[in-house]
Structures are given as structure tokens and as C-alpha cells.
Amino acid sequence: MQLDHVVTASCPKRSDPNLPAASRQPLPDGFIPVRITRCRWEFRYLPGKGRWEVVIQEHADGPATELMTELRRPSERSLFGQDCLDVGIKVDYFVVVDSSGRAVLPNVPTGVCGKPFPSALAAIRSLPYHVDEQIPIRRVESEKAFRAGCGDEYPDVLRRMGRPGAAHQIWNPPPQGLRVCVFRLAKKTPDTAQTWNSVKGRLEYSYILQGRKLRTLLGALDAAPASDCPSDHTRFAALSSGYYLEAYVELDGCHNLLRPDGTLGRLAPDAVALLTK
């Protein structure tokens, strides 16, 4: 049997090929594997290099009899409608390799709802794998951003969100510290599409604000009057209490404050100065 899709016995050196789904095919008749190669994509911190998407290549030796029995099971078909939940199940990327070096990315049999048999998934994952190598694919966060806890860039939400809102307390109870991430907007080009997240700031620096300065800033944030000043700034700060409630402050221009509830206030220059180094 000639294979329709040629794959290698090693992991693809690109982002997870299961998105979109990889092209799988039936096992050739009489195929006996001597090696099963499995690939796992994860995000990992690499010391001194930041956070990366990596592919972890591992292998198990054949003949993997239980797995081959599962892979040769026919998929189930129903002549009647089925009430099936629309829940996707991801199948590990793995190839089976025979003694001639021929590699197959095999079909995994499915039940009437089109989902892989649990016994087949268990057979794939229960093999005694040994890690061969960890291959960096792409950097998703620089060393600087990883240590800062801020991300390399952030959408300028102040330009796209917010409505004037009266002064009120932002965090209750007040946090013991705020992570301050300061971003500078990249220069716009004439053909830049002005979508909500197309204008982004690049990380300049970050720090944790505590103590007297924090208490002074919280008082200013909670007392900021409503603002309808049109946003026009080159730098902004994202303020995080650590519980997914973030506020954003323009560091120039109108000095607008975007609260977690989507309302806009306006800070005095001396309050903004607490956020700059």
C-alpha cells in the first residue's frame, strides 16, 4: 500500500501541527512498528532566553501490540441521528515507524460521535516513552518580559475602550502592592489598520509599587473625576493587583484612567508622576 501523505520519523519543527488538524491515513497491511515517536508542544521557560514554544520529542520501542490493535479497529458508524456534544478531543501527534524507516501518521478510530475511542487514546499515552530532545520553535516572551511578569507588548486599550465615569473605589480591599508595567507605543504607519488591538505598546520597564507611594496613588485613583478627554498619548501603564483586575493610565496626553469596570477618570499630573521612573 502506497502512503498518501509522507511524514518523517521525527517531530515537525514548527508550531503544533494539530492546529489545523494533521492529515492522518490508514495503516498499511502488515505494518509492524519498531518505534513510536510522539511529539508534545508546550510553553517552557528557557534560562536566559525567555519563554518559548518547544516541541518535546520522545519515543517508545515497538511492537506496541495493544496500540496497533486499537489503531486497526474500525470506526463506528450510525444509521441514526446521535445526540453528540460538540466537544473536540485532541489526539497526540505521533508516528509509527517500521524497520525500513517508513513512517505513518495513523488514523485513530472513532465512535459514532466522531471522537476517538478512549481505549485508543489510553493506548497511545500509556507507552513507556523516553524523551529524545526539546526543540525550541518560537519565542513567545523575552527574558525581560518573563522576569517582569508583563509581556513584551500590550494592546493600547485606552484608545478603544471606556466611557466617562464618576470617582469610585477601584480595589476593595486595597491591594498591598501593584505591578506597574510601562509600555511605549510603536510609531504608527499610514497603512496600519485601526482595529481595537492593532496599536500596541512595547514594554519599557516594570516594578512593584508598595508603601507610601502606593497609598497615595490608590487615593488618587479612587478620587479621579470623570473624563471625556480624547485619548492622545505615547506611553501608558498597566496596573495589576494580581487578581485579573487591571487599570490603565495614560502617562502623557490627557492622563486618562481606564478602570476595571470600563469607566474613564482623569488623573492629576502629580499622581501620574508616581508611575514614572
Protein backbone atom coordinates (compact mmCIF):
# COMPACT_ATOMS: atom_id res chain seq x y z
CA MET A 1 0.00 0.00 0.00
CA GLN A 2 1.40 3.38 -1.03
CA LEU A 3 1.03 6.14 1.54
CA ASP A 4 -0.90 9.25 0.54
CA HIS A 5 0.97 11.53 2.92
CA VAL A 6 4.67 11.31 3.62
CA VAL A 7 5.81 12.18 7.13
CA THR A 8 9.18 11.95 8.83
CA ALA A 9 10.06 9.79 11.82
CA SER A 10 10.89 12.94 13.80
CA CYS A 11 8.78 15.82 15.07
CA PRO A 12 7.85 18.70 12.74
CA LYS A 13 9.94 21.72 13.67
CA ARG A 14 7.02 24.16 13.62
CA SER A 15 4.07 25.13 15.78
CA ASP A 16 1.62 22.41 16.78
CA PRO A 17 0.51 20.72 13.51
CA ASN A 18 -2.77 19.56 15.07
CA LEU A 19 -3.98 23.15 14.59
CA PRO A 20 -5.22 22.77 11.88
CA ALA A 21 -5.63 19.01 12.04
CA ALA A 22 -2.80 16.97 10.56
CA SER A 23 -3.55 14.61 7.64
CA ARG A 24 -3.79 11.08 9.01
CA GLN A 25 -4.12 7.86 7.00
CA PRO A 26 -4.82 4.13 7.43
CA LEU A 27 -2.06 1.77 8.46
CA PRO A 28 -0.63 -0.30 5.60
CA ASP A 29 -1.39 -4.02 5.76
CA GLY A 30 1.16 -5.93 7.76
CA PHE A 31 2.76 -2.79 9.19
CA ILE A 32 4.82 -3.65 12.30
CA PRO A 33 6.35 -0.71 14.16
CA VAL A 34 9.77 -0.83 15.74
CA ARG A 35 9.46 2.70 17.10
CA ILE A 36 6.71 5.14 18.03
CA THR A 37 7.64 8.82 18.04
CA ARG A 38 5.39 11.17 19.98
CA CYS A 39 5.56 14.97 19.87
CA ARG A 40 4.26 17.30 22.56
CA TRP A 41 4.08 21.09 22.24
CA GLU A 42 4.47 23.11 25.42
CA PHE A 43 5.41 26.59 26.56
CA ARG A 44 8.55 26.49 28.68
CA TYR A 45 10.95 28.92 30.23
CA LEU A 46 14.48 28.52 28.83
CA PRO A 47 17.00 30.10 31.25
CA GLY A 48 18.40 33.32 29.83
CA LYS A 49 16.22 33.10 26.69
CA GLY A 50 12.69 33.78 27.93
CA ARG A 51 9.57 31.69 27.38
CA TRP A 52 9.39 29.58 24.23
CA GLU A 53 7.05 27.23 22.45
CA VAL A 54 9.01 23.98 22.34
CA VAL A 55 8.32 20.58 20.84
CA ILE A 56 9.31 17.68 23.07
CA GLN A 57 10.23 14.63 21.01
CA GLU A 58 10.04 11.29 22.73
CA HIS A 59 9.96 7.68 21.63
CA ALA A 60 8.81 4.23 22.69
CA ASP A 61 10.01 0.96 21.19
CA GLY A 62 7.72 -1.37 19.21
CA PRO A 63 5.92 -3.54 18.50
CA ALA A 64 3.33 -1.74 20.71
CA THR A 65 0.84 -4.57 20.22
CA GLU A 66 -2.00 -3.02 22.22
CA LEU A 67 -1.71 0.29 20.35
CA MET A 68 -1.66 -1.44 16.95
CA THR A 69 -4.75 -3.44 17.89
CA GLU A 70 -6.56 -0.21 18.76
CA LEU A 71 -5.45 1.54 15.57
CA ARG A 72 -6.78 -1.32 13.43
CA ARG A 73 -10.26 -1.20 14.98
CA PRO A 74 -12.92 0.04 12.56
CA SER A 75 -14.55 3.34 13.39
CA GLU A 76 -18.20 3.18 14.38
CA ARG A 77 -20.90 4.48 12.08
CA SER A 78 -24.56 5.02 12.90
CA LEU A 79 -27.55 4.99 10.57
CA PHE A 80 -29.48 7.03 13.11
CA GLY A 81 -29.00 10.51 14.40
CA GLN A 82 -26.97 10.87 17.55
CA ASP A 83 -27.12 13.48 20.29
CA CYS A 84 -23.44 14.39 20.38
CA LEU A 85 -21.82 17.13 22.39
CA ASP A 86 -19.72 19.46 20.26
CA VAL A 87 -16.56 18.91 22.30
CA GLY A 88 -13.26 18.45 20.47
CA ILE A 89 -10.73 15.92 21.72
CA LYS A 90 -7.13 16.46 20.71
CA VAL A 91 -5.16 13.40 19.65
CA ASP A 92 -1.45 13.41 20.41
CA TYR A 93 0.76 13.83 17.36
CA PHE A 94 2.57 10.52 16.96
CA VAL A 95 4.03 8.49 14.11
CA VAL A 96 4.72 4.77 13.90
CA VAL A 97 7.92 3.70 12.17
CA ASP A 98 8.75 0.23 10.76
CA SER A 99 12.14 -1.43 10.34
CA SER A 100 12.60 0.06 6.85
CA GLY A 101 12.24 3.61 8.23
CA ARG A 102 8.74 4.08 6.75
CA ALA A 103 6.76 6.45 8.97
CA VAL A 104 2.98 6.71 9.19
CA LEU A 105 0.82 9.32 10.89
CA PRO A 106 -2.06 6.90 11.53
CA ASN A 107 -5.79 7.31 11.71
CA VAL A 108 -7.25 6.92 15.19
CA PRO A 109 -10.61 5.08 15.15
CA THR A 110 -13.63 7.00 16.36
CA GLY A 111 -17.05 6.30 17.86
CA VAL A 112 -20.42 7.29 16.43
CA CYS A 113 -19.95 10.92 17.54
CA GLY A 114 -16.64 11.20 15.70
CA LYS A 115 -14.50 11.21 18.83
CA PRO A 116 -11.52 8.88 19.30
CA PHE A 117 -12.12 5.75 21.34
CA PRO A 118 -10.90 6.36 24.91
CA SER A 119 -9.13 3.00 24.80
CA ALA A 120 -7.16 4.17 21.74
CA LEU A 121 -6.11 7.38 23.49
CA ALA A 122 -5.11 5.38 26.56
CA ALA A 123 -3.01 3.03 24.41
CA ILE A 124 -1.19 5.99 22.85
CA ARG A 125 -0.44 7.65 26.17
CA SER A 126 0.45 4.57 28.23
CA LEU A 127 3.54 3.61 26.24
CA PRO A 128 6.89 3.89 28.10
CA TYR A 129 8.21 6.98 26.32
CA HIS A 130 11.75 8.33 26.67
CA VAL A 131 12.50 11.98 25.90
CA ASP A 132 14.90 12.44 22.98
CA GLU A 133 15.16 16.21 22.71
CA GLN A 134 13.48 19.55 23.40
CA ILE A 135 13.35 21.70 20.27
CA PRO A 136 12.71 25.48 20.58
CA ILE A 137 10.20 26.57 17.93
CA ARG A 138 9.46 30.23 18.60
CA ARG A 139 9.93 32.70 21.40
CA VAL A 140 6.67 33.88 22.92
CA GLU A 141 8.11 36.10 25.65
CA SER A 142 11.51 37.67 26.10
CA GLU A 143 13.68 37.14 29.18
CA LYS A 144 12.99 40.75 30.17
CA ALA A 145 9.22 40.35 29.88
CA PHE A 146 9.22 36.98 31.64
CA ARG A 147 11.05 38.39 34.64
CA ALA A 148 8.86 41.50 34.62
CA GLY A 149 5.64 39.48 34.50
CA CYS A 150 4.21 41.91 31.96
CA GLY A 151 4.53 40.57 28.42
CA ASP A 152 6.61 42.10 25.64
CA GLU A 153 3.71 44.14 24.28
CA TYR A 154 0.16 45.07 25.12
CA PRO A 155 -2.80 46.49 23.13
CA ASP A 156 -3.49 50.15 23.75
CA VAL A 157 -6.94 49.59 25.23
CA LEU A 158 -7.16 53.24 26.31
CA ARG A 159 -7.72 54.30 22.71
CA ARG A 160 -10.59 51.90 22.13
CA MET A 161 -12.43 51.46 25.40
CA GLY A 162 -14.02 53.42 28.20
CA ARG A 163 -16.85 55.81 28.97
CA PRO A 164 -16.81 58.73 31.42
CA GLY A 165 -17.48 57.55 34.96
CA ALA A 166 -17.65 59.20 38.37
CA ALA A 167 -14.97 58.61 41.02
CA HIS A 168 -15.24 55.39 43.00
CA GLN A 169 -13.01 52.84 44.73
CA ILE A 170 -11.24 50.53 42.28
CA TRP A 171 -9.94 47.76 44.53
CA ASN A 172 -11.74 46.65 47.68
CA PRO A 173 -9.92 45.77 49.83
CA PRO A 174 -6.95 47.87 48.69
CA PRO A 175 -4.04 45.76 47.43
CA GLN A 176 -0.76 45.56 49.33
CA GLY A 177 1.12 46.08 46.07
CA LEU A 178 0.56 46.90 42.41
CA ARG A 179 2.58 45.58 39.49
CA VAL A 180 3.25 48.54 37.19
CA CYS A 181 4.07 47.69 33.57
CA VAL A 182 5.03 50.68 31.44
CA PHE A 183 4.63 50.50 27.65
CA ARG A 184 5.60 52.86 24.84
CA LEU A 185 3.52 52.91 21.68
CA ALA A 186 5.18 51.92 18.43
CA LYS A 187 5.19 54.53 15.69
CA LYS A 188 2.11 54.24 13.53
CA THR A 189 2.39 53.68 9.81
CA PRO A 190 -0.14 55.11 7.30
CA ASP A 191 -1.45 51.65 6.38
CA THR A 192 -1.91 50.45 9.97
CA ALA A 193 -5.41 49.03 10.36
CA GLN A 194 -7.00 50.75 13.34
CA THR A 195 -8.62 47.73 14.93
CA TRP A 196 -9.07 47.51 18.70
CA ASN A 197 -5.80 45.68 19.22
CA SER A 198 -3.74 46.85 16.26
CA VAL A 199 -1.99 49.65 18.19
CA LYS A 200 0.31 48.10 20.77
CA GLY A 201 2.85 49.29 23.27
CA ARG A 202 6.27 47.73 23.78
CA LEU A 203 7.42 47.05 27.32
CA GLU A 204 9.85 49.63 28.71
CA TYR A 205 10.10 48.55 32.35
CA SER A 206 8.12 47.25 35.31
CA TYR A 207 8.23 47.32 39.09
CA ILE A 208 6.09 46.68 42.17
CA LEU A 209 4.62 49.77 43.81
CA GLN A 210 4.21 49.50 47.58
CA GLY A 211 4.19 51.53 50.76
CA ARG A 212 3.51 55.25 50.93
CA LYS A 213 3.61 55.80 47.18
CA LEU A 214 1.06 53.03 46.69
CA ARG A 215 -1.31 54.50 49.27
CA THR A 216 -1.01 57.94 47.66
CA LEU A 217 -1.68 56.50 44.19
CA LEU A 218 -4.69 54.47 45.35
CA GLY A 219 -6.18 57.59 46.88
CA ALA A 220 -5.70 59.47 43.58
CA LEU A 221 -7.15 56.61 41.52
CA ASP A 222 -10.24 56.35 43.72
CA ALA A 223 -10.80 60.12 43.59
CA ALA A 224 -10.25 60.62 39.83
CA PRO A 225 -13.17 62.58 38.32
CA ALA A 226 -14.91 61.51 35.11
CA SER A 227 -13.03 62.21 31.89
CA ASP A 228 -14.19 62.75 28.32
CA CYS A 229 -10.79 63.94 27.10
CA PRO A 230 -9.91 62.32 23.74
CA SER A 231 -7.06 59.85 24.14
CA ASP A 232 -3.74 61.03 22.68
CA HIS A 233 -0.69 59.56 24.37
CA THR A 234 2.59 57.83 23.60
CA ARG A 235 3.05 55.84 26.83
CA PHE A 236 0.73 54.06 29.22
CA ALA A 237 0.94 51.92 32.34
CA ALA A 238 -0.98 48.73 33.14
CA LEU A 239 -1.67 48.34 36.86
CA SER A 240 -2.35 44.85 38.18
CA SER A 241 -3.29 43.82 41.70
CA GLY A 242 -2.65 40.16 40.85
CA TYR A 243 -6.33 39.18 40.62
CA TYR A 244 -7.04 39.91 36.95
CA LEU A 245 -8.47 43.34 37.81
CA GLU A 246 -6.37 45.77 35.83
CA ALA A 247 -6.44 49.52 35.41
CA TYR A 248 -4.63 51.56 32.75
CA VAL A 249 -3.22 55.06 32.93
CA GLU A 250 -2.00 57.38 30.17
CA LEU A 251 1.42 58.71 31.16
CA ASP A 252 1.12 61.74 28.90
CA GLY A 253 -1.65 63.40 26.91
CA CYS A 254 -4.92 63.52 28.87
CA HIS A 255 -3.72 61.32 31.75
CA ASN A 256 -6.87 59.26 31.43
CA LEU A 257 -7.52 56.36 33.81
CA LEU A 258 -9.35 53.30 32.49
CA ARG A 259 -10.84 51.44 35.45
CA PRO A 260 -11.53 47.67 35.50
CA ASP A 261 -15.26 48.36 35.09
CA GLY A 262 -14.64 50.21 31.80
CA THR A 263 -15.19 53.76 33.09
CA LEU A 264 -12.81 56.66 32.47
CA GLY A 265 -11.39 59.03 35.04
CA ARG A 266 -8.67 61.66 34.78
CA LEU A 267 -5.56 61.83 36.97
CA ALA A 268 -3.65 64.90 38.06
CA PRO A 269 -0.03 65.15 36.84
CA ASP A 270 1.39 64.59 40.34
CA ALA A 271 -0.48 61.26 40.58
CA VAL A 272 0.82 60.18 37.16
CA ALA A 273 4.33 61.06 38.28
CA LEU A 274 4.09 58.27 40.88
CA LEU A 275 4.04 55.76 38.00
CA THR A 276 7.12 57.01 36.14
CA LYS A 277 10.79 56.50 36.91
